[in-house]
């Protein structure tokens, strides 16, 4: 799994992960082993890169 840092969280249940290849969108439905409320900006997470209807996104997101 790839790693990145939470760059931004919104109050609408989605956020962005800062990666070596740019920022990736993620939705709270992609979270594993945590809840959206437990995440914080700057936190290191693991994720699988995937493709959503509007472009690249992170899937299977979990804290490192």
Protein backbone atom coordinates (compact mmCIF):
# COMPACT_ATOMS: atom_id res chain seq x y z
CA UNK A 1 0.00 0.00 0.00
CA UNK A 2 1.12 3.53 -0.72
CA UNK A 3 1.48 6.17 2.01
CA UNK A 4 0.57 9.82 2.17
CA UNK A 5 -0.49 12.55 4.60
CA UNK A 6 -3.95 13.94 5.15
CA UNK A 7 -3.76 17.39 3.56
CA UNK A 8 -7.31 18.62 4.07
CA UNK A 9 -10.51 17.38 5.70
CA UNK A 10 -13.93 18.89 5.07
CA UNK A 11 -17.11 18.89 7.12
CA UNK A 12 -18.85 17.06 4.25
CA UNK A 13 -17.14 13.69 4.75
CA UNK A 14 -14.30 13.86 2.26
CA UNK A 15 -10.73 15.06 2.11
CA UNK A 16 -7.46 14.98 0.26
CA UNK A 17 -4.27 12.99 0.76
CA UNK A 18 -0.94 14.56 -0.18
CA UNK A 19 1.12 12.07 -2.19
CA UNK A 20 4.34 12.07 -4.23
CA UNK A 21 2.22 12.29 -7.38
CA UNK A 22 -0.13 15.04 -6.25
CA UNK A 23 -3.23 15.19 -4.10
CA UNK A 24 -5.78 12.37 -4.07
CA UNK A 25 -9.45 12.71 -3.17
CA UNK A 26 -10.95 10.29 -0.65
CA UNK A 27 -14.45 9.79 0.76
CA UNK A 28 -15.31 8.56 4.24
CA UNK A 29 -16.74 5.39 2.68
CA UNK A 30 -13.14 4.41 1.75
CA UNK A 31 -11.97 4.33 5.39
CA UNK A 32 -10.80 1.10 7.03
CA UNK A 33 -10.03 0.55 10.74
CA UNK A 34 -10.94 4.14 11.67
CA UNK A 35 -13.71 6.71 11.53
CA UNK A 36 -13.71 10.05 9.76
CA UNK A 37 -13.86 11.84 13.13
CA UNK A 38 -10.59 10.18 14.22
CA UNK A 39 -8.61 11.54 11.26
CA UNK A 40 -6.61 14.76 11.46
CA UNK A 41 -4.66 16.89 9.01
CA UNK A 42 -1.00 15.85 8.83
CA UNK A 43 -1.79 12.25 9.79
CA UNK A 44 0.06 9.56 7.80
CA UNK A 45 -2.26 7.08 6.12
CA UNK A 46 -1.97 4.09 3.81
CA UNK A 47 -4.19 3.82 0.76
CA UNK A 48 -4.77 2.04 -2.52
CA UNK A 49 -4.93 4.23 -5.61
CA UNK A 50 -8.19 3.84 -7.50
CA UNK A 51 -10.36 5.49 -10.10
CA UNK A 52 -13.62 7.26 -9.32
CA UNK A 53 -16.26 8.76 -11.58
CA UNK A 54 -14.45 12.12 -11.56
CA UNK A 55 -10.86 10.88 -11.69
CA UNK A 56 -8.20 9.35 -9.43
CA UNK A 57 -9.09 8.72 -5.79
CA UNK A 58 -7.78 6.90 -2.75
CA UNK A 59 -9.48 3.69 -1.65
CA UNK A 60 -8.98 1.44 1.38
CA UNK A 61 -7.65 4.36 3.45
CA UNK A 62 -6.35 3.53 6.93
CA UNK A 63 -3.95 5.09 9.46
CA UNK A 64 -0.32 3.92 9.26
